[in-house]
Amino acid sequence: MAERKILILFGSQTGTAEDTAERIGREAKRRHFQCKIEALDNYNVAFLIHEPLVVFVCATTGQGDPPDNMKNFWRFLFRKSLPPTSLCQMDYAVLGLGDSSYPKFNFIGKKLHKRLLQLGGNPLVPVALGDDQHDLGPDAVIDPWLLDLWGKILALYPLPPSVHVISPEITYTAGDVVMIQPRNAPEDVQLFCNLLRLDPDKRFVLKPTDPGTPLPAHLPQPCTLHHLVSHYLDITCVPRRSFFELASHFSTNDLEREKLQEFSSAQGQEELAAYCYRPRRTTLEVLCDFPHTTCAIPCDYLLDLIPRIRPRAFSIASSMLVQPNRIEILVAVVRYKTLLSKPRRGLCSTWLASLEPQNGAARVPLWVKRGSLKFPADRLTPVLLIGPGTGVAPFRAAIQERVALGKGGNYLFFGCRQKEKDFYCQAEWEALMERGLLHLFVAFSRDQEEKVYVQHRLRERKELVFDLVSRLGASIYLAGNAKQMPEAVADALKTVFQSQGGLSALEAEQYLARLERDGRFQAETWS
């Protein structure tokens, strides 16, 4: 039987093609294919002649140009020296992503399909041309095209006996992340529309002011201004220098225009930092401070002025083996003080906290992505998990999964401020400890006069830590805030290696680096 493997290559400028490639990869795995997903310029194109089955997902940018991460591949593919039988062993399919409001709609997808055909490739299905302008977005083309494609592929590569396609429900494993697309608060949307004197219910068809400005993915056309502001414009982000420069061109007030020009000049950067960056002043608050300018901004320039809301990544904190129809995440609501009187708030965490799921109307746009943490497949390999605060989320998923699979050797170092307030999963951890399935070491930094953190507990348990790593081959995992914690934990580990292993400072550093190269020390941190 032919080897059931598939290669998915993407050329993506704004991330849509990459997301689509990952979607196709998930569908391939549900059909039990060995799947590899790569940007075209990260793939060694010389190996293409050996690939039996390839799906290309390519966006078209600007005036018919390839995305930045496929330009080298593009140049190579159109070499005149390539023989016309170069790809005669390859079955392929091309999915193009574009916008029919541009004259060279999906030029890259069309030209790639034609060139692969010239080089001897065998197209399984006609080229698909996804269109951002469609009412349903590119999915209107992608969905039926994929159904046709999988039908052709499964005819060539049938499923092994007694193996079935896995259900299309969300699938994930320990270490994966869920991407959540947040929305702006209703009161912020209303204030924004009032400041710009916009009718939130007005419907319009959005056109880019510049051919190089991409329109938001899945934006309905026509669209209401309320939908655009609530779903797409990041009005609570800290504005960039370019915001002040562009806003100055719309200003009808001399004083405001001079101030905006000063903030966007090289000489005014210290004052801009004091006004905007250090206190974390939001775009909405800046618009309030420049009322004459704000009310003169044309709505056609909103996408040039304000970036789109980016999805937020959260480590999945549950295992499908324990809760097959549920995804749990661990979210701390971001709220902190600066020099400004109003506390700063995290957009996504505040939005999630505002939802009321009990009324059945709370819908959260989300999708699963492969995470960076990879846990050992061998049931005998111990894991040393270091997860202060919400960093413990992926380790909860890993522990649930390992326990369900009968894997012991689970050692967790958890830290938080106060035992009574933020000892996440306390009852769950303690129940596992009673069953002998988890070894837990905790550090509550604010429950005593001196601060105690996870790195202190690692030093206290130096004999155990070194024995796990050096004799039992444990893998070390670290997750959490990227400020001082990762360096402090790395220093603690190096101290353990020196004191228990008799290593010099340089040797301890090299030992930790070797563990990292071998995949036995993995870290996932965020700011």
Protein backbone atom coordinates (compact mmCIF):
# COMPACT_ATOMS: atom_id res chain seq x y z
CA MET A 1 0.00 0.00 0.00
CA ALA A 2 1.29 3.51 -0.88
CA GLU A 3 2.66 5.52 2.03
CA ARG A 4 -0.09 7.80 3.33
CA LYS A 5 1.78 11.08 3.67
CA ILE A 6 0.87 14.59 2.57
CA LEU A 7 2.85 17.83 2.37
CA ILE A 8 1.07 21.17 2.77
CA LEU A 9 3.01 24.24 1.64
CA PHE A 10 1.79 27.80 2.08
CA GLY A 11 2.66 31.29 0.94
CA SER A 12 1.09 33.74 3.38
CA GLN A 13 1.36 37.50 3.88
CA THR A 14 -1.19 38.29 6.59
CA GLY A 15 -1.59 34.82 8.10
CA THR A 16 -4.82 33.73 6.37
CA ALA A 17 -3.09 31.24 4.03
CA GLU A 18 -1.11 29.82 6.95
CA ASP A 19 -4.29 29.36 9.00
CA THR A 20 -5.94 27.65 6.04
CA ALA A 21 -2.94 25.35 5.58
CA GLU A 22 -3.17 24.36 9.24
CA ARG A 23 -6.88 23.66 8.81
CA ILE A 24 -6.12 21.34 5.88
CA GLY A 25 -3.42 19.71 8.03
CA ARG A 26 -5.94 19.00 10.77
CA GLU A 27 -8.29 17.46 8.22
CA ALA A 28 -5.41 15.32 6.91
CA LYS A 29 -4.66 14.02 10.40
CA ARG A 30 -8.32 13.13 10.92
CA ARG A 31 -7.91 10.97 7.81
CA HIS A 32 -4.80 9.37 9.32
CA PHE A 33 -2.21 10.91 6.98
CA GLN A 34 1.34 11.72 8.03
CA CYS A 35 1.24 15.48 7.57
CA LYS A 36 3.90 18.17 7.28
CA ILE A 37 3.04 21.89 7.02
CA GLU A 38 5.65 24.45 6.02
CA ALA A 39 6.05 27.93 4.52
CA LEU A 40 7.28 27.56 0.94
CA ASP A 41 10.58 29.33 1.58
CA ASN A 42 11.28 27.15 4.64
CA TYR A 43 10.93 24.00 2.55
CA ASN A 44 13.91 22.60 0.63
CA VAL A 45 12.45 22.81 -2.88
CA ALA A 46 14.96 20.25 -4.20
CA PHE A 47 12.99 17.56 -2.31
CA LEU A 48 9.77 18.37 -4.16
CA ILE A 49 10.52 15.78 -6.84
CA HIS A 50 10.18 13.05 -4.17
CA GLU A 51 6.81 14.20 -2.78
CA PRO A 52 3.85 12.06 -3.90
CA LEU A 53 1.06 14.35 -2.61
CA VAL A 54 1.26 18.11 -2.11
CA VAL A 55 -1.34 20.80 -1.39
CA PHE A 56 -0.30 24.40 -2.05
CA VAL A 57 -2.11 27.29 -0.31
CA CYS A 58 -0.99 30.62 -1.75
CA ALA A 59 -2.18 34.18 -1.30
CA THR A 60 -1.78 36.92 -3.90
CA THR A 61 -0.53 40.27 -2.60
CA GLY A 62 -0.40 43.79 -4.01
CA GLN A 63 -0.52 43.81 -7.79
CA GLY A 64 -0.25 40.09 -8.37
CA ASP A 65 2.87 39.50 -6.26
CA PRO A 66 3.80 36.38 -4.25
CA PRO A 67 3.87 36.68 -0.43
CA ASP A 68 7.26 37.35 1.18
CA ASN A 69 7.62 33.78 2.47
CA MET A 70 7.41 32.19 -0.97
CA LYS A 71 9.49 34.55 -3.16
CA ASN A 72 12.57 32.30 -3.26
CA PHE A 73 10.41 29.28 -4.15
CA TRP A 74 8.70 31.35 -6.86
CA ARG A 75 12.01 32.29 -8.49
CA PHE A 76 13.24 28.68 -8.38
CA LEU A 77 10.05 27.23 -9.84
CA PHE A 78 10.24 29.41 -12.94
CA ARG A 79 13.80 28.51 -13.86
CA LYS A 80 13.88 27.65 -17.56
CA SER A 81 16.38 24.85 -16.87
CA LEU A 82 13.82 22.71 -14.99
CA PRO A 83 12.91 19.61 -17.07
CA PRO A 84 9.23 19.24 -18.06
CA THR A 85 9.14 15.89 -16.23
CA SER A 86 10.48 17.27 -12.92
CA LEU A 87 7.25 16.66 -10.99
CA CYS A 88 5.77 13.71 -12.88
CA GLN A 89 5.63 11.68 -9.61
CA MET A 90 3.58 14.31 -7.80
CA ASP A 91 -0.19 14.59 -7.34
CA TYR A 92 -1.06 18.14 -6.32
CA ALA A 93 -3.80 20.65 -5.62
CA VAL A 94 -3.60 24.45 -5.51
CA LEU A 95 -5.76 26.70 -3.35
CA GLY A 96 -5.43 30.41 -4.12
CA LEU A 97 -6.55 33.16 -1.76
CA GLY A 98 -7.23 36.63 -3.13
CA ASP A 99 -9.59 39.55 -3.51
CA SER A 100 -11.68 40.02 -6.66
CA SER A 101 -11.64 43.80 -6.22
CA TYR A 102 -8.02 43.73 -7.44
CA PRO A 103 -7.27 43.45 -11.17
CA LYS A 104 -4.89 40.49 -10.77
CA PHE A 105 -7.28 38.39 -8.71
CA ASN A 106 -5.56 35.21 -7.47
CA PHE A 107 -2.76 35.62 -10.02
CA ILE A 108 -0.31 33.57 -7.94
CA GLY A 109 -2.65 30.60 -7.46
CA LYS A 110 -3.51 30.50 -11.17
CA LYS A 111 0.10 30.81 -12.33
CA LEU A 112 1.37 28.23 -9.81
CA HIS A 113 -1.23 25.70 -10.96
CA LYS A 114 -0.21 26.23 -14.60
CA ARG A 115 3.52 25.95 -13.85
CA LEU A 116 3.14 22.71 -11.84
CA LEU A 117 1.22 21.28 -14.78
CA GLN A 118 4.06 22.30 -17.15
CA LEU A 119 6.55 20.44 -14.92
CA GLY A 120 4.62 17.17 -15.15
CA GLY A 121 2.52 17.38 -11.98
CA ASN A 122 -0.87 15.69 -11.89
CA PRO A 123 -3.66 18.00 -10.61
CA LEU A 124 -6.20 16.11 -8.52
CA VAL A 125 -8.78 18.92 -8.73
CA PRO A 126 -9.02 22.28 -10.54
CA VAL A 127 -7.36 25.27 -8.88
CA ALA A 128 -9.58 26.87 -6.20
CA LEU A 129 -9.87 30.66 -6.11
CA GLY A 130 -10.95 31.89 -2.67
CA ASP A 131 -12.37 35.42 -2.67
CA ASP A 132 -12.41 37.80 0.29
CA GLN A 133 -15.22 39.73 -1.42
CA HIS A 134 -17.70 36.85 -1.22
CA ASP A 135 -20.41 37.25 1.43
CA LEU A 136 -19.10 34.11 3.13
CA GLY A 137 -15.45 34.96 2.52
CA PRO A 138 -13.01 32.48 0.94
CA ASP A 139 -14.69 29.58 2.78
CA ALA A 140 -17.46 29.71 0.16
CA VAL A 141 -14.92 28.23 -2.28
CA ILE A 142 -12.68 26.35 0.17
CA ASP A 143 -15.37 24.14 1.75
CA PRO A 144 -16.71 22.43 -1.42
CA TRP A 145 -13.21 22.29 -2.93
CA LEU A 146 -11.89 20.39 0.10
CA LEU A 147 -14.77 17.92 -0.03
CA ASP A 148 -13.90 17.17 -3.65
CA LEU A 149 -10.17 17.01 -2.89
CA TRP A 150 -10.53 14.54 0.01
CA GLY A 151 -12.75 12.35 -2.15
CA LYS A 152 -10.01 12.17 -4.79
CA ILE A 153 -7.24 11.63 -2.23
CA LEU A 154 -9.03 8.85 -0.35
CA ALA A 155 -9.66 7.06 -3.64
CA LEU A 156 -5.88 7.01 -4.20
CA TYR A 157 -4.95 6.42 -0.54
CA PRO A 158 -7.79 4.42 1.06
CA LEU A 159 -8.05 4.20 4.83
CA PRO A 160 -6.52 1.03 6.33
CA PRO A 161 -8.99 -1.70 7.34
CA SER A 162 -11.07 -0.94 10.46
CA VAL A 163 -9.78 2.67 10.54
CA HIS A 164 -12.29 5.52 10.23
CA VAL A 165 -12.11 9.27 9.69
CA ILE A 166 -11.95 11.00 13.06
CA SER A 167 -14.90 13.26 13.90
CA PRO A 168 -14.43 16.92 12.84
CA GLU A 169 -14.92 18.19 16.42
CA ILE A 170 -11.96 20.15 17.77
CA THR A 171 -9.03 17.81 18.48
CA TYR A 172 -5.96 18.67 20.54
CA THR A 173 -3.25 17.21 22.73
CA ALA A 174 -1.36 18.42 25.81
CA GLY A 175 0.81 21.39 24.88
CA ASP A 176 -1.56 22.74 22.22
CA VAL A 177 -3.02 26.24 22.37
CA VAL A 178 -6.42 27.69 21.60
CA MET A 179 -6.60 30.96 19.66
CA ILE A 180 -9.42 33.28 20.76
CA GLN A 181 -10.63 36.28 18.76
CA PRO A 182 -11.82 38.92 21.27
CA ARG A 183 -14.12 41.88 20.75
CA ASN A 184 -14.23 45.42 22.04
CA ALA A 185 -16.52 46.31 24.93
CA PRO A 186 -19.91 47.78 23.86
CA GLU A 187 -19.26 51.01 25.81
CA ASP A 188 -15.91 51.48 24.04
CA VAL A 189 -17.53 50.88 20.64
CA GLN A 190 -20.23 53.44 21.43
CA LEU A 191 -17.68 56.03 22.58
CA PHE A 192 -15.58 55.50 19.45
CA CYS A 193 -18.57 55.98 17.17
CA ASN A 194 -19.63 59.11 19.09
CA LEU A 195 -16.14 60.63 18.86
CA LEU A 196 -15.95 60.07 15.11
CA ARG A 197 -19.63 60.99 14.65
CA LEU A 198 -20.36 57.65 13.03
CA ASP A 199 -23.73 55.98 12.75
CA PRO A 200 -23.01 52.47 14.13
CA ASP A 201 -25.91 50.99 12.11
CA LYS A 202 -24.75 52.40 8.78
CA ARG A 203 -24.00 49.65 6.25
CA PHE A 204 -21.15 50.04 3.78
CA VAL A 205 -18.87 48.10 1.45
CA LEU A 206 -15.29 48.53 2.60
CA LYS A 207 -12.69 49.37 -0.03
CA PRO A 208 -8.96 49.74 0.71
CA THR A 209 -7.55 53.26 0.35
CA ASP A 210 -4.33 51.73 -0.93
CA PRO A 211 -4.06 48.57 -3.08
CA GLY A 212 -1.49 47.23 -0.61
CA THR A 213 -3.83 47.47 2.40
CA PRO A 214 -5.41 44.05 3.06
CA LEU A 215 -9.04 43.92 4.09
CA PRO A 216 -9.87 41.99 7.27
CA ALA A 217 -10.48 38.29 6.71
CA HIS A 218 -14.14 37.18 6.92
CA LEU A 219 -15.40 40.76 6.98
CA PRO A 220 -19.01 40.66 5.75
CA GLN A 221 -19.69 42.89 2.77
CA PRO A 222 -21.72 45.02 3.21
CA CYS A 223 -20.88 45.55 6.88
CA THR A 224 -22.14 47.82 9.65
CA LEU A 225 -19.77 50.28 11.28
CA HIS A 226 -20.66 48.73 14.65
CA HIS A 227 -19.50 45.31 13.43
CA LEU A 228 -16.26 46.74 12.03
CA VAL A 229 -15.39 48.58 15.25
CA SER A 230 -16.42 45.82 17.67
CA HIS A 231 -14.84 42.90 15.75
CA TYR A 232 -11.86 44.31 13.87
CA LEU A 233 -10.45 47.65 15.05
CA ASP A 234 -8.11 47.42 18.06
CA ILE A 235 -9.23 50.68 19.62
CA THR A 236 -7.80 49.77 23.06
CA CYS A 237 -4.23 49.08 21.87
CA VAL A 238 -1.42 51.57 22.53
CA PRO A 239 -1.08 53.50 19.26
CA ARG A 240 2.15 53.45 17.27
CA ARG A 241 4.09 56.49 16.09
CA SER A 242 2.57 56.13 12.61
CA PHE A 243 -0.89 56.68 14.12
CA PHE A 244 0.05 60.23 15.16
CA GLU A 245 1.63 60.99 11.80
CA LEU A 246 -1.45 59.92 9.82
CA ALA A 247 -3.87 61.56 12.24
CA SER A 248 -2.04 64.89 11.89
CA HIS A 249 -3.03 65.03 8.20
CA PHE A 250 -6.73 65.01 9.10
CA SER A 251 -6.52 67.60 11.87
CA THR A 252 -8.49 70.81 11.41
CA ASN A 253 -7.12 72.35 14.62
CA ASP A 254 -3.71 74.05 14.61
CA LEU A 255 -2.79 73.18 18.20
CA GLU A 256 -3.79 69.54 17.84
CA ARG A 257 -2.01 69.22 14.50
CA GLU A 258 1.22 70.67 15.93
CA LYS A 259 1.10 68.27 18.86
CA LEU A 260 0.44 65.27 16.62
CA GLN A 261 3.31 66.29 14.33
CA GLU A 262 5.58 66.63 17.36
CA PHE A 263 4.67 63.13 18.57
CA SER A 264 5.42 61.70 15.12
CA SER A 265 8.78 63.52 14.76
CA ALA A 266 12.16 62.12 15.75
CA GLN A 267 12.63 64.96 18.24
CA GLY A 268 9.33 64.28 19.98
CA GLN A 269 9.87 60.63 20.86
CA GLU A 270 10.64 61.18 24.53
CA GLU A 271 7.50 63.25 24.95
CA LEU A 272 5.50 60.59 23.06
CA ALA A 273 6.86 57.93 25.40
CA ALA A 274 5.84 59.98 28.44
CA TYR A 275 2.37 60.68 27.04
CA CYS A 276 1.58 57.34 25.45
CA TYR A 277 3.94 54.38 25.87
CA ARG A 278 4.85 54.49 29.56
CA PRO A 279 1.31 55.05 30.88
CA ARG A 280 -0.05 52.64 28.23
CA ARG A 281 -2.57 55.17 26.91
CA THR A 282 -5.02 53.54 24.50
CA THR A 283 -5.97 54.63 20.99
CA LEU A 284 -9.47 55.45 22.25
CA GLU A 285 -8.07 57.68 25.00
CA VAL A 286 -5.81 59.48 22.50
CA LEU A 287 -8.81 60.12 20.26
CA CYS A 288 -10.59 61.65 23.26
CA ASP A 289 -7.60 63.98 23.81
CA PHE A 290 -7.72 65.24 20.20
CA PRO A 291 -11.46 65.81 19.62
CA HIS A 292 -11.19 68.19 16.65
CA THR A 293 -8.90 65.80 14.80
CA THR A 294 -10.94 62.74 15.70
CA CYS A 295 -14.22 64.02 14.31
CA ALA A 296 -12.47 64.85 11.00
CA ILE A 297 -11.09 61.34 10.38
CA PRO A 298 -12.77 59.77 7.31
CA CYS A 299 -14.07 56.27 7.99
CA ASP A 300 -12.33 55.09 4.78
CA TYR A 301 -9.01 55.48 6.61
CA LEU A 302 -9.89 53.53 9.76
CA LEU A 303 -7.97 50.42 8.65
CA ASP A 304 -4.90 52.53 7.85
CA LEU A 305 -5.07 54.27 11.20
CA ILE A 306 -5.96 51.45 13.58
CA PRO A 307 -4.58 47.87 13.50
CA ARG A 308 -6.93 44.93 13.50
CA ILE A 309 -7.62 42.97 16.68
CA ARG A 310 -5.20 40.06 16.84
CA PRO A 311 -6.27 36.68 18.22
CA ARG A 312 -4.86 35.78 21.63
CA ALA A 313 -3.23 32.43 22.38
CA PHE A 314 -4.03 30.46 25.55
CA SER A 315 -2.54 27.14 26.55
CA ILE A 316 -5.21 24.45 26.76
CA ALA A 317 -5.52 23.37 30.39
CA SER A 318 -7.47 20.13 29.91
CA SER A 319 -7.03 16.77 28.21
CA MET A 320 -9.34 15.28 25.59
CA LEU A 321 -8.77 11.91 27.23
CA VAL A 322 -10.48 13.20 30.36
CA GLN A 323 -12.96 15.69 28.87
CA PRO A 324 -13.48 14.80 25.20
CA ASN A 325 -16.09 17.47 24.45
CA ARG A 326 -14.63 20.36 26.40
CA ILE A 327 -11.71 22.79 26.27
CA GLU A 328 -10.62 24.51 29.48
CA ILE A 329 -8.25 27.45 29.73
CA LEU A 330 -6.81 29.28 32.73
CA VAL A 331 -7.17 33.06 32.35
CA ALA A 332 -6.16 35.80 34.78
CA VAL A 333 -8.08 39.01 34.10
CA VAL A 334 -5.41 41.57 33.18
CA ARG A 335 -5.82 44.77 35.19
CA TYR A 336 -3.04 47.06 36.36
CA LYS A 337 -2.36 50.66 37.31
CA THR A 338 -0.16 53.24 35.59
CA LEU A 339 0.09 57.00 36.06
CA LEU A 340 -3.36 57.30 34.48
CA SER A 341 -6.32 57.28 36.87
CA LYS A 342 -8.20 54.58 34.98
CA PRO A 343 -6.76 51.07 35.41
CA ARG A 344 -5.39 49.38 32.27
CA ARG A 345 -7.36 46.33 31.15
CA GLY A 346 -6.51 43.37 28.96
CA LEU A 347 -8.85 43.27 25.96
CA CYS A 348 -9.34 39.51 25.70
CA SER A 349 -9.41 38.60 29.39
CA THR A 350 -11.84 41.44 30.18
CA TRP A 351 -14.10 40.42 27.30
CA LEU A 352 -14.10 36.76 28.37
CA ALA A 353 -14.89 37.76 31.96
CA SER A 354 -17.85 39.84 30.75
CA LEU A 355 -19.56 36.92 28.99
CA GLU A 356 -22.58 35.26 30.60
CA PRO A 357 -22.63 31.64 29.39
CA GLN A 358 -25.64 30.74 31.47
CA ASN A 359 -27.94 32.60 29.07
CA GLY A 360 -26.75 30.44 26.19
CA ALA A 361 -25.85 33.43 24.00
CA ALA A 362 -22.10 33.59 24.64
CA ARG A 363 -20.24 32.59 21.47
CA VAL A 364 -16.43 32.69 21.47
CA PRO A 365 -14.63 32.47 18.09
CA LEU A 366 -11.74 30.06 18.62
CA TRP A 367 -9.54 27.51 16.91
CA VAL A 368 -6.82 25.12 18.04
CA LYS A 369 -3.17 25.40 17.01
CA ARG A 370 -0.24 23.12 17.64
CA GLY A 371 1.72 24.30 20.67
CA SER A 372 5.48 24.47 21.15
CA LEU A 373 5.61 22.07 24.13
CA LYS A 374 6.01 18.39 23.24
CA PHE A 375 5.65 15.87 26.07
CA PRO A 376 7.38 12.46 26.10
CA ALA A 377 5.58 9.58 24.42
CA ASP A 378 7.49 7.05 26.56
CA ARG A 379 5.44 6.28 29.67
CA LEU A 380 8.63 5.71 31.72
CA THR A 381 10.12 9.17 31.12
CA PRO A 382 9.49 11.46 34.13
CA VAL A 383 8.53 15.10 33.62
CA LEU A 384 9.71 18.02 35.73
CA LEU A 385 7.08 20.75 35.28
CA ILE A 386 7.75 24.32 36.43
CA GLY A 387 4.68 26.51 36.08
CA PRO A 388 4.13 29.58 38.25
CA GLY A 389 0.77 31.36 37.99
CA THR A 390 -1.27 30.73 34.86
CA GLY A 391 1.84 29.13 33.38
CA VAL A 392 0.62 25.91 34.98
CA ALA A 393 -2.18 25.61 32.37
CA PRO A 394 -0.40 23.32 29.84
CA PHE A 395 0.93 21.21 32.71
CA ARG A 396 -2.57 20.55 34.00
CA ALA A 397 -3.41 19.19 30.53
CA ALA A 398 -0.21 17.13 30.47
CA ILE A 399 -0.79 15.67 33.94
CA GLN A 400 -4.40 14.78 33.11
CA GLU A 401 -3.26 13.10 29.90
CA ARG A 402 -0.35 11.25 31.49
CA VAL A 403 -2.48 10.00 34.39
CA ALA A 404 -5.15 8.77 31.95
CA LEU A 405 -2.44 6.87 30.03
CA GLY A 406 -1.02 5.36 33.22
CA LYS A 407 2.18 7.42 33.15
CA GLY A 408 3.81 8.15 36.50
CA GLY A 409 6.81 10.34 37.23
CA ASN A 410 4.89 13.63 37.32
CA TYR A 411 6.74 16.33 39.32
CA LEU A 412 5.16 19.79 39.44
CA PHE A 413 6.70 22.97 40.88
CA PHE A 414 3.89 25.52 41.17
CA GLY A 415 4.08 29.07 42.46
CA CYS A 416 1.53 31.82 43.12
CA ARG A 417 1.14 34.83 45.40
CA GLN A 418 -1.20 33.51 48.08
CA LYS A 419 -2.43 30.01 48.85
CA GLU A 420 -5.93 31.18 49.74
CA LYS A 421 -6.43 33.31 46.61
CA ASP A 422 -4.68 31.80 43.57
CA PHE A 423 -3.71 28.21 44.27
CA TYR A 424 -5.14 26.98 40.98
CA CYS A 425 -6.43 23.39 40.79
CA GLN A 426 -5.58 22.81 44.46
CA ALA A 427 -8.19 20.09 45.08
CA GLU A 428 -7.28 18.30 41.84
CA TRP A 429 -3.55 18.32 42.59
CA GLU A 430 -4.05 17.13 46.17
CA ALA A 431 -6.31 14.25 45.04
CA LEU A 432 -3.61 13.09 42.60
CA MET A 433 -0.98 13.34 45.33
CA GLU A 434 -3.06 11.09 47.59
CA ARG A 435 -3.17 8.50 44.79
CA GLY A 436 0.60 8.73 44.33
CA LEU A 437 0.24 10.07 40.76
CA LEU A 438 1.74 13.52 41.35
CA HIS A 439 4.59 15.02 43.35
CA LEU A 440 3.76 18.67 44.05
CA PHE A 441 6.06 21.42 45.38
CA VAL A 442 4.51 24.84 45.99
CA ALA A 443 5.82 28.36 46.56
CA PHE A 444 3.45 31.05 47.88
CA SER A 445 5.44 34.25 47.44
CA ARG A 446 3.31 36.59 49.59
CA ASP A 447 2.29 34.29 52.45
CA GLN A 448 5.39 35.12 54.52
CA GLU A 449 7.68 38.10 55.02
CA GLU A 450 10.40 36.92 52.64
CA LYS A 451 9.47 36.22 48.99
CA VAL A 452 9.54 32.53 48.01
CA TYR A 453 9.41 31.54 44.35
CA VAL A 454 9.61 28.30 42.35
CA GLN A 455 13.35 28.77 41.83
CA HIS A 456 13.83 28.60 45.61
CA ARG A 457 11.94 25.30 45.77
CA LEU A 458 14.12 23.90 42.96
CA ARG A 459 17.25 24.71 44.95
CA GLU A 460 15.74 23.19 48.11
CA ARG A 461 14.99 19.94 46.23
CA LYS A 462 18.34 19.88 44.46
CA GLU A 463 19.02 16.17 45.11
CA LEU A 464 15.66 15.16 43.66
CA VAL A 465 15.95 17.52 40.68
CA PHE A 466 19.42 16.33 39.73
CA ASP A 467 18.51 12.68 40.17
CA LEU A 468 15.46 13.05 37.94
CA VAL A 469 17.42 14.77 35.17
CA SER A 470 20.77 12.97 35.29
CA ARG A 471 19.81 9.42 36.29
CA LEU A 472 16.18 9.01 35.25
CA GLY A 473 16.32 11.05 32.04
CA ALA A 474 13.51 13.45 32.98
CA SER A 475 12.45 16.21 30.61
CA ILE A 476 12.14 19.71 32.08
CA TYR A 477 9.30 22.06 31.11
CA LEU A 478 8.90 25.73 31.98
CA ALA A 479 5.90 27.97 31.29
CA GLY A 480 4.90 31.40 32.52
CA ASN A 481 5.61 35.11 32.44
CA ALA A 482 8.73 36.09 30.52
CA LYS A 483 9.99 38.90 32.77
CA GLN A 484 12.49 37.69 35.39
CA MET A 485 11.13 34.19 36.02
CA PRO A 486 12.68 32.19 33.13
CA GLU A 487 16.19 33.48 33.82
CA ALA A 488 15.79 32.92 37.57
CA VAL A 489 14.66 29.31 36.98
CA ALA A 490 17.52 28.66 34.53
CA ASP A 491 19.99 30.02 37.12
CA ALA A 492 18.49 27.73 39.79
CA LEU A 493 18.84 24.69 37.51
CA LYS A 494 22.46 25.56 36.74
CA THR A 495 23.14 25.94 40.47
CA VAL A 496 21.66 22.46 41.04
CA PHE A 497 23.86 20.99 38.29
CA GLN A 498 26.93 22.59 39.83
CA SER A 499 26.28 21.58 43.45
CA GLN A 500 25.02 18.05 42.75
CA GLY A 501 26.95 17.17 39.61
CA GLY A 502 30.24 18.79 40.44
CA LEU A 503 30.10 20.91 37.30
CA SER A 504 31.75 24.28 36.82
CA ALA A 505 29.59 27.30 35.98
CA LEU A 506 30.49 26.95 32.30
CA GLU A 507 29.84 23.20 32.28
CA ALA A 508 26.44 23.70 33.97
CA GLU A 509 25.49 26.24 31.31
CA GLN A 510 26.59 23.85 28.54
CA TYR A 511 24.66 21.00 30.18
CA LEU A 512 21.45 23.05 30.23
CA ALA A 513 22.03 24.11 26.60
CA ARG A 514 22.47 20.45 25.62
CA LEU A 515 19.20 19.52 27.34
CA GLU A 516 17.50 22.28 25.35
CA ARG A 517 19.02 21.08 22.04
CA ASP A 518 17.85 17.53 22.78
CA GLY A 519 14.31 18.67 23.53
CA ARG A 520 14.66 17.80 27.22
CA PHE A 521 14.38 21.42 28.36
CA GLN A 522 11.45 23.23 26.77
CA ALA A 523 10.10 26.66 27.66
CA GLU A 524 6.94 28.53 26.70
CA THR A 525 6.93 32.08 28.01
CA TRP A 526 5.04 35.26 27.20
CA SER A 527 5.23 38.93 28.13
